[in-house]
PDB file of N, CA and C in Angstrom:
ATOM      1  N   MET A   1    -240.241 -14.994  80.383  1.00  0.00           N
ATOM      2  CA  MET A   1    -239.347 -15.123  81.510  1.00  0.00           C
ATOM      3  C   MET A   1    -238.885 -13.716  81.914  1.00  0.00           C
ATOM      4  N   THR A   2    -238.959 -13.401  83.203  1.00  0.00           N
ATOM      5  CA  THR A   2    -238.579 -12.069  83.668  1.00  0.00           C
ATOM      6  C   THR A   2    -237.063 -11.926  83.709  1.00  0.00           C
ATOM      7  N   SER A   3    -236.600 -10.693  83.771  1.00  0.00           N
ATOM      8  CA  SER A   3    -235.157 -10.454  83.804  1.00  0.00           C
ATOM      9  C   SER A   3    -234.549 -10.974  85.101  1.00  0.00           C
ATOM     10  N   GLU A   4    -235.325 -10.977  86.192  1.00  0.00           N
ATOM     11  CA  GLU A   4    -234.811 -11.496  87.455  1.00  0.00           C
ATOM     12  C   GLU A   4    -234.556 -13.002  87.350  1.00  0.00           C
ATOM     13  N   VAL A   5    -235.460 -13.721  86.729  1.00  0.00           N
ATOM     14  CA  VAL A   5    -235.283 -15.164  86.543  1.00  0.00           C
ATOM     15  C   VAL A   5    -234.092 -15.421  85.630  1.00  0.00           C
ATOM     16  N   LYS A   6    -233.946 -14.613  84.590  1.00  0.00           N
ATOM     17  CA  LYS A   6    -232.793 -14.763  83.690  1.00  0.00           C
ATOM     18  C   LYS A   6    -231.491 -14.533  84.438  1.00  0.00           C
ATOM     19  N   ASN A   7    -231.447 -13.522  85.310  1.00  0.00           N
ATOM     20  CA  ASN A   7    -230.237 -13.264  86.091  1.00  0.00           C
ATOM     21  C   ASN A   7    -229.931 -14.409  87.045  1.00  0.00           C
ATOM     22  N   ILE A   8    -230.957 -14.973  87.654  1.00  0.00           N
ATOM     23  CA  ILE A   8    -230.759 -16.116  88.545  1.00  0.00           C
ATOM     24  C   ILE A   8    -230.208 -17.300  87.762  1.00  0.00           C
ATOM     25  N   LEU A   9    -230.781 -17.565  86.591  1.00  0.00           N
ATOM     26  CA  LEU A   9    -230.303 -18.678  85.770  1.00  0.00           C
ATOM     27  C   LEU A   9    -228.868 -18.445  85.288  1.00  0.00           C
ATOM     28  N   LYS A  10    -228.544 -17.221  84.928  1.00  0.00           N
ATOM     29  CA  LYS A  10    -227.168 -16.898  84.512  1.00  0.00           C
ATOM     30  C   LYS A  10    -226.188 -17.151  85.649  1.00  0.00           C
ATOM     31  N   THR A  11    -226.532 -16.663  86.840  1.00  0.00           N
ATOM     32  CA  THR A  11    -225.659 -16.838  88.003  1.00  0.00           C
ATOM     33  C   THR A  11    -225.498 -18.314  88.343  1.00  0.00           C
ATOM     34  N   ALA A  12    -226.582 -19.049  88.339  1.00  0.00           N
ATOM     35  CA  ALA A  12    -226.522 -20.483  88.637  1.00  0.00           C
ATOM     36  C   ALA A  12    -225.701 -21.222  87.589  1.00  0.00           C
ATOM     37  N   SER A  13    -225.835 -20.823  86.338  1.00  0.00           N
ATOM     38  CA  SER A  13    -225.068 -21.476  85.267  1.00  0.00           C
ATOM     39  C   SER A  13    -223.578 -21.203  85.400  1.00  0.00           C
ATOM     40  N   VAL A  14    -223.225 -19.969  85.716  1.00  0.00           N
ATOM     41  CA  VAL A  14    -221.806 -19.633  85.890  1.00  0.00           C
ATOM     42  C   VAL A  14    -221.223 -20.397  87.066  1.00  0.00           C
ATOM     43  N   TYR A  15    -221.947 -20.432  88.184  1.00  0.00           N
ATOM     44  CA  TYR A  15    -221.447 -21.153  89.363  1.00  0.00           C
ATOM     45  C   TYR A  15    -221.306 -22.646  89.078  1.00  0.00           C
ATOM     46  N   THR A  16    -222.310 -23.234  88.466  1.00  0.00           N
ATOM     47  CA  THR A  16    -222.254 -24.658  88.138  1.00  0.00           C
ATOM     48  C   THR A  16    -221.125 -24.942  87.156  1.00  0.00           C
ATOM     49  N   GLY A  17    -220.989 -24.106  86.147  1.00  0.00           N
ATOM     50  CA  GLY A  17    -219.911 -24.292  85.175  1.00  0.00           C
ATOM     51  C   GLY A  17    -218.541 -24.163  85.799  1.00  0.00           C
ATOM     52  N   THR A  18    -218.416 -23.259  86.755  1.00  0.00           N
ATOM     53  CA  THR A  18    -217.130 -23.073  87.424  1.00  0.00           C
ATOM     54  C   THR A  18    -216.792 -24.277  88.288  1.00  0.00           C
ATOM     55  N   VAL A  19    -217.744 -24.743  89.065  1.00  0.00           N
ATOM     56  CA  VAL A  19    -217.486 -25.879  89.951  1.00  0.00           C
ATOM     57  C   VAL A  19    -217.285 -27.157  89.144  1.00  0.00           C
ATOM     58  N   LEU A  20    -218.191 -27.426  88.227  1.00  0.00           N
ATOM     59  CA  LEU A  20    -218.098 -28.660  87.452  1.00  0.00           C
ATOM     60  C   LEU A  20    -217.005 -28.564  86.387  1.00  0.00           C
ATOM     61  N   GLY A  21    -216.927 -27.426  85.722  1.00  0.00           N
ATOM     62  CA  GLY A  21    -215.961 -27.263  84.648  1.00  0.00           C
ATOM     63  C   GLY A  21    -214.530 -27.179  85.126  1.00  0.00           C
ATOM     64  N   ALA A  22    -214.330 -26.811  86.375  1.00  0.00           N
ATOM     65  CA  ALA A  22    -212.970 -26.699  86.908  1.00  0.00           C
ATOM     66  C   ALA A  22    -212.378 -28.068  87.221  1.00  0.00           C
ATOM     67  N   GLY A  23    -213.151 -29.116  87.074  1.00  0.00           N
ATOM     68  CA  GLY A  23    -212.609 -30.455  87.242  1.00  0.00           C
ATOM     69  C   GLY A  23    -212.988 -31.144  88.525  1.00  0.00           C
ATOM     70  N   PHE A  24    -213.639 -30.447  89.437  1.00  0.00           N
ATOM     71  CA  PHE A  24    -213.984 -31.103  90.698  1.00  0.00           C
ATOM     72  C   PHE A  24    -214.900 -32.278  90.477  1.00  0.00           C
ATOM     73  N   ALA A  25    -215.869 -32.121  89.605  1.00  0.00           N
ATOM     74  CA  ALA A  25    -216.873 -33.163  89.447  1.00  0.00           C
ATOM     75  C   ALA A  25    -216.844 -33.793  88.062  1.00  0.00           C
ATOM     76  N   SER A  26    -215.676 -33.802  87.418  1.00  0.00           N
ATOM     77  CA  SER A  26    -215.601 -34.509  86.143  1.00  0.00           C
ATOM     78  C   SER A  26    -215.641 -36.011  86.421  1.00  0.00           C
ATOM     79  N   GLY A  27    -215.780 -36.785  85.399  1.00  0.00           N
ATOM     80  CA  GLY A  27    -215.933 -38.229  85.579  1.00  0.00           C
ATOM     81  C   GLY A  27    -214.824 -38.885  86.376  1.00  0.00           C
ATOM     82  N   LYS A  28    -213.579 -38.571  86.057  1.00  0.00           N
ATOM     83  CA  LYS A  28    -212.447 -39.196  86.738  1.00  0.00           C
ATOM     84  C   LYS A  28    -212.411 -38.813  88.218  1.00  0.00           C
ATOM     85  N   GLU A  29    -212.657 -37.543  88.512  1.00  0.00           N
ATOM     86  CA  GLU A  29    -212.628 -37.104  89.903  1.00  0.00           C
ATOM     87  C   GLU A  29    -213.762 -37.718  90.706  1.00  0.00           C
ATOM     88  N   LEU A  30    -214.933 -37.860  90.087  1.00  0.00           N
ATOM     89  CA  LEU A  30    -216.036 -38.512  90.800  1.00  0.00           C
ATOM     90  C   LEU A  30    -215.665 -39.931  91.196  1.00  0.00           C
ATOM     91  N   ILE A  31    -215.025 -40.642  90.289  1.00  0.00           N
ATOM     92  CA  ILE A  31    -214.618 -42.022  90.597  1.00  0.00           C
ATOM     93  C   ILE A  31    -213.536 -42.027  91.664  1.00  0.00           C
ATOM     94  N   ASN A  32    -212.507 -41.163  91.498  1.00  0.00           N
ATOM     95  CA  ASN A  32    -211.392 -41.149  92.453  1.00  0.00           C
ATOM     96  C   ASN A  32    -211.811 -40.705  93.853  1.00  0.00           C
ATOM     97  N   PHE A  33    -212.688 -39.723  93.950  1.00  0.00           N
ATOM     98  CA  PHE A  33    -213.024 -39.165  95.247  1.00  0.00           C
ATOM     99  C   PHE A  33    -214.224 -39.803  95.905  1.00  0.00           C
ATOM    100  N   PHE A  34    -215.175 -40.331  95.126  1.00  0.00           N
ATOM    101  CA  PHE A  34    -216.438 -40.738  95.733  1.00  0.00           C
ATOM    102  C   PHE A  34    -216.858 -42.170  95.420  1.00  0.00           C
ATOM    103  N   VAL A  35    -216.915 -42.539  94.161  1.00  0.00           N
ATOM    104  CA  VAL A  35    -217.516 -43.818  93.768  1.00  0.00           C
ATOM    105  C   VAL A  35    -216.759 -45.009  94.349  1.00  0.00           C
ATOM    106  N   ARG A  36    -215.464 -44.940  94.388  1.00  0.00           N
ATOM    107  CA  ARG A  36    -214.695 -46.093  94.868  1.00  0.00           C
ATOM    108  C   ARG A  36    -214.943 -46.420  96.337  1.00  0.00           C
ATOM    109  N   TYR A  37    -215.544 -45.484  97.080  1.00  0.00           N
ATOM    110  CA  TYR A  37    -215.784 -45.704  98.502  1.00  0.00           C
ATOM    111  C   TYR A  37    -217.212 -46.150  98.805  1.00  0.00           C
ATOM    112  N   GLY A  38    -217.988 -46.432  97.777  1.00  0.00           N
ATOM    113  CA  GLY A  38    -219.334 -46.970  97.963  1.00  0.00           C
ATOM    114  C   GLY A  38    -220.270 -46.004  98.657  1.00  0.00           C
ATOM    115  N   ILE A  39    -220.988 -46.502  99.658  1.00  0.00           N
ATOM    116  CA  ILE A  39    -221.979 -45.698 100.372  1.00  0.00           C
ATOM    117  C   ILE A  39    -221.315 -44.504 101.064  1.00  0.00           C
ATOM    118  N   SER A  40    -220.141 -44.697 101.623  1.00  0.00           N
ATOM    119  CA  SER A  40    -219.427 -43.581 102.258  1.00  0.00           C
ATOM    120  C   SER A  40    -219.115 -42.500 101.236  1.00  0.00           C
ATOM    121  N   GLY A  41    -218.771 -42.902 100.033  1.00  0.00           N
ATOM    122  CA  GLY A  41    -218.482 -41.947  98.968  1.00  0.00           C
ATOM    123  C   GLY A  41    -219.704 -41.136  98.577  1.00  0.00           C
ATOM    124  N   ILE A  42    -220.859 -41.789  98.544  1.00  0.00           N
ATOM    125  CA  ILE A  42    -222.099 -41.069  98.234  1.00  0.00           C
ATOM    126  C   ILE A  42    -222.385 -40.046  99.336  1.00  0.00           C
ATOM    127  N   PHE A  43    -222.165 -40.437 100.589  1.00  0.00           N
ATOM    128  CA  PHE A  43    -222.332 -39.500 101.701  1.00  0.00           C
ATOM    129  C   PHE A  43    -221.354 -38.325 101.541  1.00  0.00           C
ATOM    130  N   GLY A  44    -220.118 -38.609 101.156  1.00  0.00           N
ATOM    131  CA  GLY A  44    -219.135 -37.552 100.921  1.00  0.00           C
ATOM    132  C   GLY A  44    -219.542 -36.626  99.786  1.00  0.00           C
ATOM    133  N   MET A  45    -220.145 -37.201  98.746  1.00  0.00           N
ATOM    134  CA  MET A  45    -220.612 -36.388  97.620  1.00  0.00           C
ATOM    135  C   MET A  45    -221.731 -35.450  98.073  1.00  0.00           C
ATOM    136  N   ILE A  46    -222.620 -35.948  98.900  1.00  0.00           N
ATOM    137  CA  ILE A  46    -223.711 -35.118  99.413  1.00  0.00           C
ATOM    138  C   ILE A  46    -223.161 -33.999 100.294  1.00  0.00           C
ATOM    139  N   ILE A  47    -222.228 -34.324 101.168  1.00  0.00           N
ATOM    140  CA  ILE A  47    -221.613 -33.316 102.041  1.00  0.00           C
ATOM    141  C   ILE A  47    -220.887 -32.266 101.204  1.00  0.00           C
ATOM    142  N   SER A  48    -220.159 -32.685 100.179  1.00  0.00           N
ATOM    143  CA  SER A  48    -219.468 -31.733  99.302  1.00  0.00           C
ATOM    144  C   SER A  48    -220.454 -30.825  98.594  1.00  0.00           C
ATOM    145  N   GLY A  49    -221.548 -31.390  98.116  1.00  0.00           N
ATOM    146  CA  GLY A  49    -222.575 -30.587  97.466  1.00  0.00           C
ATOM    147  C   GLY A  49    -223.176 -29.558  98.398  1.00  0.00           C
ATOM    148  N   ILE A  50    -223.399 -29.960  99.646  1.00  0.00           N
ATOM    149  CA  ILE A  50    -223.939 -29.026 100.641  1.00  0.00           C
ATOM    150  C   ILE A  50    -222.944 -27.902 100.903  1.00  0.00           C
ATOM    151  N   PHE A  51    -221.657 -28.243 101.072  1.00  0.00           N
ATOM    152  CA  PHE A  51    -220.643 -27.213 101.313  1.00  0.00           C
ATOM    153  C   PHE A  51    -220.524 -26.249 100.130  1.00  0.00           C
ATOM    154  N   PHE A  52    -220.491 -26.786  98.905  1.00  0.00           N
ATOM    155  CA  PHE A  52    -220.419 -25.912  97.728  1.00  0.00           C
ATOM    156  C   PHE A  52    -221.637 -24.994  97.660  1.00  0.00           C
ATOM    157  N   SER A  53    -222.798 -25.516  97.995  1.00  0.00           N
ATOM    158  CA  SER A  53    -224.009 -24.690  97.983  1.00  0.00           C
ATOM    159  C   SER A  53    -223.952 -23.596  99.037  1.00  0.00           C
ATOM    160  N   LEU A  54    -223.541 -23.944 100.243  1.00  0.00           N
ATOM    161  CA  LEU A  54    -223.473 -22.957 101.324  1.00  0.00           C
ATOM    162  C   LEU A  54    -222.433 -21.884 101.053  1.00  0.00           C
ATOM    163  N   ILE A  55    -221.267 -22.286 100.572  1.00  0.00           N
ATOM    164  CA  ILE A  55    -220.221 -21.313 100.260  1.00  0.00           C
ATOM    165  C   ILE A  55    -220.666 -20.410  99.118  1.00  0.00           C
ATOM    166  N   GLY A  56    -221.249 -20.984  98.083  1.00  0.00           N
ATOM    167  CA  GLY A  56    -221.754 -20.182  96.972  1.00  0.00           C
ATOM    168  C   GLY A  56    -222.819 -19.203  97.421  1.00  0.00           C
ATOM    169  N   PHE A  57    -223.737 -19.655  98.279  1.00  0.00           N
ATOM    170  CA  PHE A  57    -224.773 -18.781  98.805  1.00  0.00           C
ATOM    171  C   PHE A  57    -224.166 -17.648  99.621  1.00  0.00           C
ATOM    172  N   GLY A  58    -223.180 -17.979 100.464  1.00  0.00           N
ATOM    173  CA  GLY A  58    -222.534 -16.958 101.291  1.00  0.00           C
ATOM    174  C   GLY A  58    -221.828 -15.899 100.458  1.00  0.00           C
ATOM    175  N   VAL A  59    -221.114 -16.339  99.431  1.00  0.00           N
ATOM    176  CA  VAL A  59    -220.414 -15.396  98.558  1.00  0.00           C
ATOM    177  C   VAL A  59    -221.426 -14.509  97.840  1.00  0.00           C
ATOM    178  N   LEU A  60    -222.448 -15.103  97.268  1.00  0.00           N
ATOM    179  CA  LEU A  60    -223.451 -14.309  96.555  1.00  0.00           C
ATOM    180  C   LEU A  60    -224.195 -13.343  97.482  1.00  0.00           C
ATOM    181  N   LYS A  61    -224.427 -13.753  98.711  1.00  0.00           N
ATOM    182  CA  LYS A  61    -225.093 -12.874  99.671  1.00  0.00           C
ATOM    183  C   LYS A  61    -224.225 -11.653  99.971  1.00  0.00           C
ATOM    184  N   ILE A  62    -222.931 -11.878 100.182  1.00  0.00           N
ATOM    185  CA  ILE A  62    -222.011 -10.762 100.433  1.00  0.00           C
ATOM    186  C   ILE A  62    -221.938  -9.847  99.222  1.00  0.00           C
ATOM    187  N   VAL A  63    -221.796 -10.428  98.040  1.00  0.00           N
ATOM    188  CA  VAL A  63    -221.692  -9.639  96.810  1.00  0.00           C
ATOM    189  C   VAL A  63    -222.943  -8.788  96.608  1.00  0.00           C
ATOM    190  N   HIS A  64    -224.100  -9.366  96.848  1.00  0.00           N
ATOM    191  CA  HIS A  64    -225.349  -8.625  96.667  1.00  0.00           C
ATOM    192  C   HIS A  64    -225.510  -7.542  97.730  1.00  0.00           C
ATOM    193  N   LYS A  65    -225.245  -7.882  98.976  1.00  0.00           N
ATOM    194  CA  LYS A  65    -225.435  -6.945 100.082  1.00  0.00           C
ATOM    195  C   LYS A  65    -224.493  -5.745  99.970  1.00  0.00           C
ATOM    196  N   LYS A  66    -223.248  -5.988  99.609  1.00  0.00           N
ATOM    197  CA  LYS A  66    -222.246  -4.922  99.528  1.00  0.00           C
ATOM    198  C   LYS A  66    -222.141  -4.319  98.137  1.00  0.00           C
ATOM    199  N   ARG A  67    -222.949  -4.827  97.197  1.00  0.00           N
ATOM    200  CA  ARG A  67    -222.940  -4.332  95.805  1.00  0.00           C
ATOM    201  C   ARG A  67    -221.539  -4.412  95.195  1.00  0.00           C
ATOM    202  N   ILE A  68    -220.876  -5.519  95.414  1.00  0.00           N
ATOM    203  CA  ILE A  68    -219.530  -5.741  94.885  1.00  0.00           C
ATOM    204  C   ILE A  68    -219.651  -6.141  93.417  1.00  0.00           C
ATOM    205  N   THR A  69    -218.846  -5.521  92.567  1.00  0.00           N
ATOM    206  CA  THR A  69    -218.949  -5.773  91.128  1.00  0.00           C
ATOM    207  C   THR A  69    -217.706  -6.411  90.526  1.00  0.00           C
ATOM    208  N   ASN A  70    -216.638  -6.590  91.322  1.00  0.00           N
ATOM    209  CA  ASN A  70    -215.436  -7.209  90.755  1.00  0.00           C
ATOM    210  C   ASN A  70    -214.698  -8.017  91.816  1.00  0.00           C
ATOM    211  N   TYR A  71    -213.792  -8.835  91.340  1.00  0.00           N
ATOM    212  CA  TYR A  71    -213.067  -9.748  92.211  1.00  0.00           C
ATOM    213  C   TYR A  71    -212.195  -8.994  93.212  1.00  0.00           C
ATOM    214  N   HIS A  72    -211.556  -7.923  92.770  1.00  0.00           N
ATOM    215  CA  HIS A  72    -210.656  -7.163  93.641  1.00  0.00           C
ATOM    216  C   HIS A  72    -211.414  -6.621  94.859  1.00  0.00           C
ATOM    217  N   ASP A  73    -212.557  -6.019  94.644  1.00  0.00           N
ATOM    218  CA  ASP A  73    -213.341  -5.477  95.762  1.00  0.00           C
ATOM    219  C   ASP A  73    -213.771  -6.583  96.723  1.00  0.00           C
ATOM    220  N   PHE A  74    -214.093  -7.749  96.179  1.00  0.00           N
ATOM    221  CA  PHE A  74    -214.493  -8.877  97.032  1.00  0.00           C
ATOM    222  C   PHE A  74    -213.321  -9.349  97.886  1.00  0.00           C
ATOM    223  N   SER A  75    -212.141  -9.512  97.281  1.00  0.00           N
ATOM    224  CA  SER A  75    -210.994  -9.994  98.045  1.00  0.00           C
ATOM    225  C   SER A  75    -210.566  -8.975  99.103  1.00  0.00           C
ATOM    226  N   VAL A  76    -210.647  -7.681  98.787  1.00  0.00           N
ATOM    227  CA  VAL A  76    -210.320  -6.659  99.783  1.00  0.00           C
ATOM    228  C   VAL A  76    -211.349  -6.670 100.912  1.00  0.00           C
ATOM    229  N   TYR A  77    -212.623  -6.864 100.594  1.00  0.00           N
ATOM    230  CA  TYR A  77    -213.656  -6.917 101.629  1.00  0.00           C
ATOM    231  C   TYR A  77    -213.443  -8.116 102.554  1.00  0.00           C
ATOM    232  N   ILE A  78    -213.128  -9.265 101.980  1.00  0.00           N
ATOM    233  CA  ILE A  78    -212.970 -10.491 102.772  1.00  0.00           C
ATOM    234  C   ILE A  78    -211.658 -10.501 103.550  1.00  0.00           C
ATOM    235  N   LEU A  79    -210.550 -10.122 102.899  1.00  0.00           N
ATOM    236  CA  LEU A  79    -209.221 -10.272 103.486  1.00  0.00           C
ATOM    237  C   LEU A  79    -208.632  -8.991 104.060  1.00  0.00           C
ATOM    238  N   GLY A  80    -209.263  -7.862 103.830  1.00  0.00           N
ATOM    239  CA  GLY A  80    -208.678  -6.596 104.251  1.00  0.00           C
ATOM    240  C   GLY A  80    -207.831  -6.026 103.121  1.00  0.00           C
ATOM    241  N   ASN A  81    -207.369  -4.812 103.313  1.00  0.00           N
ATOM    242  CA  ASN A  81    -206.670  -4.107 102.238  1.00  0.00           C
ATOM    243  C   ASN A  81    -205.339  -4.757 101.869  1.00  0.00           C
ATOM    244  N   LYS A  82    -204.499  -5.031 102.877  1.00  0.00           N
ATOM    245  CA  LYS A  82    -203.156  -5.576 102.588  1.00  0.00           C
ATOM    246  C   LYS A  82    -203.234  -6.995 102.023  1.00  0.00           C
ATOM    247  N   LEU A  83    -203.934  -7.889 102.724  1.00  0.00           N
ATOM    248  CA  LEU A  83    -204.030  -9.280 102.256  1.00  0.00           C
ATOM    249  C   LEU A  83    -204.841  -9.388 100.974  1.00  0.00           C
ATOM    250  N   GLY A  84    -205.846  -8.531 100.816  1.00  0.00           N
ATOM    251  CA  GLY A  84    -206.637  -8.531  99.585  1.00  0.00           C
ATOM    252  C   GLY A  84    -205.795  -8.172  98.376  1.00  0.00           C
ATOM    253  N   ASN A  85    -204.976  -7.133  98.522  1.00  0.00           N
ATOM    254  CA  ASN A  85    -204.086  -6.746  97.423  1.00  0.00           C
ATOM    255  C   ASN A  85    -203.014  -7.803  97.171  1.00  0.00           C
ATOM    256  N   LEU A  86    -202.480  -8.399  98.252  1.00  0.00           N
ATOM    257  CA  LEU A  86    -201.496  -9.472  98.090  1.00  0.00           C
ATOM    258  C   LEU A  86    -202.113 -10.658  97.358  1.00  0.00           C
ATOM    259  N   SER A  87    -203.330 -11.033  97.737  1.00  0.00           N
ATOM    260  CA  SER A  87    -203.986 -12.161  97.069  1.00  0.00           C
ATOM    261  C   SER A  87    -204.219 -11.858  95.592  1.00  0.00           C
ATOM    262  N   GLU A  88    -204.533 -10.595  95.293  1.00  0.00           N
ATOM    263  CA  GLU A  88    -204.734 -10.189  93.898  1.00  0.00           C
ATOM    264  C   GLU A  88    -203.453 -10.390  93.086  1.00  0.00           C
ATOM    265  N   TRP A  89    -202.326 -10.007  93.654  1.00  0.00           N
ATOM    266  CA  TRP A  89    -201.044 -10.201  92.976  1.00  0.00           C
ATOM    267  C   TRP A  89    -200.713 -11.690  92.828  1.00  0.00           C
ATOM    268  N   LEU A  90    -201.004 -12.471  93.862  1.00  0.00           N
ATOM    269  CA  LEU A  90    -200.736 -13.906  93.784  1.00  0.00           C
ATOM    270  C   LEU A  90    -201.601 -14.580  92.713  1.00  0.00           C
ATOM    271  N   VAL A  91    -202.865 -14.207  92.642  1.00  0.00           N
ATOM    272  CA  VAL A  91    -203.751 -14.763  91.616  1.00  0.00           C
ATOM    273  C   VAL A  91    -203.236 -14.405  90.228  1.00  0.00           C
ATOM    274  N   CYS A  92    -202.839 -13.160  90.052  1.00  0.00           N
ATOM    275  CA  CYS A  92    -202.287 -12.741  88.755  1.00  0.00           C
ATOM    276  C   CYS A  92    -201.023 -13.515  88.414  1.00  0.00           C
ATOM    277  N   ALA A  93    -200.147 -13.714  89.406  1.00  0.00           N
ATOM    278  CA  ALA A  93    -198.905 -14.456  89.165  1.00  0.00           C
ATOM    279  C   ALA A  93    -199.218 -15.906  88.786  1.00  0.00           C
ATOM    280  N   PHE A  94    -200.137 -16.550  89.517  1.00  0.00           N
ATOM    281  CA  PHE A  94    -200.516 -17.934  89.203  1.00  0.00           C
ATOM    282  C   PHE A  94    -201.115 -18.026  87.797  1.00  0.00           C
ATOM    283  N   LEU A  95    -201.984 -17.082  87.452  1.00  0.00           N
ATOM    284  CA  LEU A  95    -202.581 -17.099  86.114  1.00  0.00           C
ATOM    285  C   LEU A  95    -201.527 -16.926  85.029  1.00  0.00           C
ATOM    286  N   LEU A  96    -200.565 -16.044  85.270  1.00  0.00           N
ATOM    287  CA  LEU A  96    -199.493 -15.828  84.310  1.00  0.00           C
ATOM    288  C   LEU A  96    -198.644 -17.078  84.142  1.00  0.00           C
ATOM    289  N   VAL A  97    -198.296 -17.712  85.268  1.00  0.00           N
ATOM    290  CA  VAL A  97    -197.484 -18.941  85.207  1.00  0.00           C
ATOM    291  C   VAL A  97    -198.255 -20.068  84.529  1.00  0.00           C
ATOM    292  N   LEU A  98    -199.526 -20.218  84.869  1.00  0.00           N
ATOM    293  CA  LEU A  98    -200.321 -21.288  84.291  1.00  0.00           C
ATOM    294  C   LEU A  98    -200.624 -21.069  82.812  1.00  0.00           C
ATOM    295  N   PHE A  99    -200.694 -19.805  82.404  1.00  0.00           N
ATOM    296  CA  PHE A  99    -200.979 -19.503  81.012  1.00  0.00           C
ATOM    297  C   PHE A  99    -199.814 -19.933  80.148  1.00  0.00           C
TER     298      PHE A  99
END
């Protein structure tokens, strides 16, 4: 297996683990958000999967194109200097409170 394939698999695993592991698609959430609505819920699950894929692709494209290596640089690129730094402080505060 080439190093490029390994990097792709690592990135895909981290993204999948983050989305699934964060609770969006755990068993209870799948039932609450999708299964109870039958066919409409399955359509909603497909739409959610498409959105997660597109957003993930967009983020990875920006990160690769701009050679961004950390979260701070990404937030400053997306939100600008002032809002990027503010978001960084808010994320730190939320993490501290949640910890």
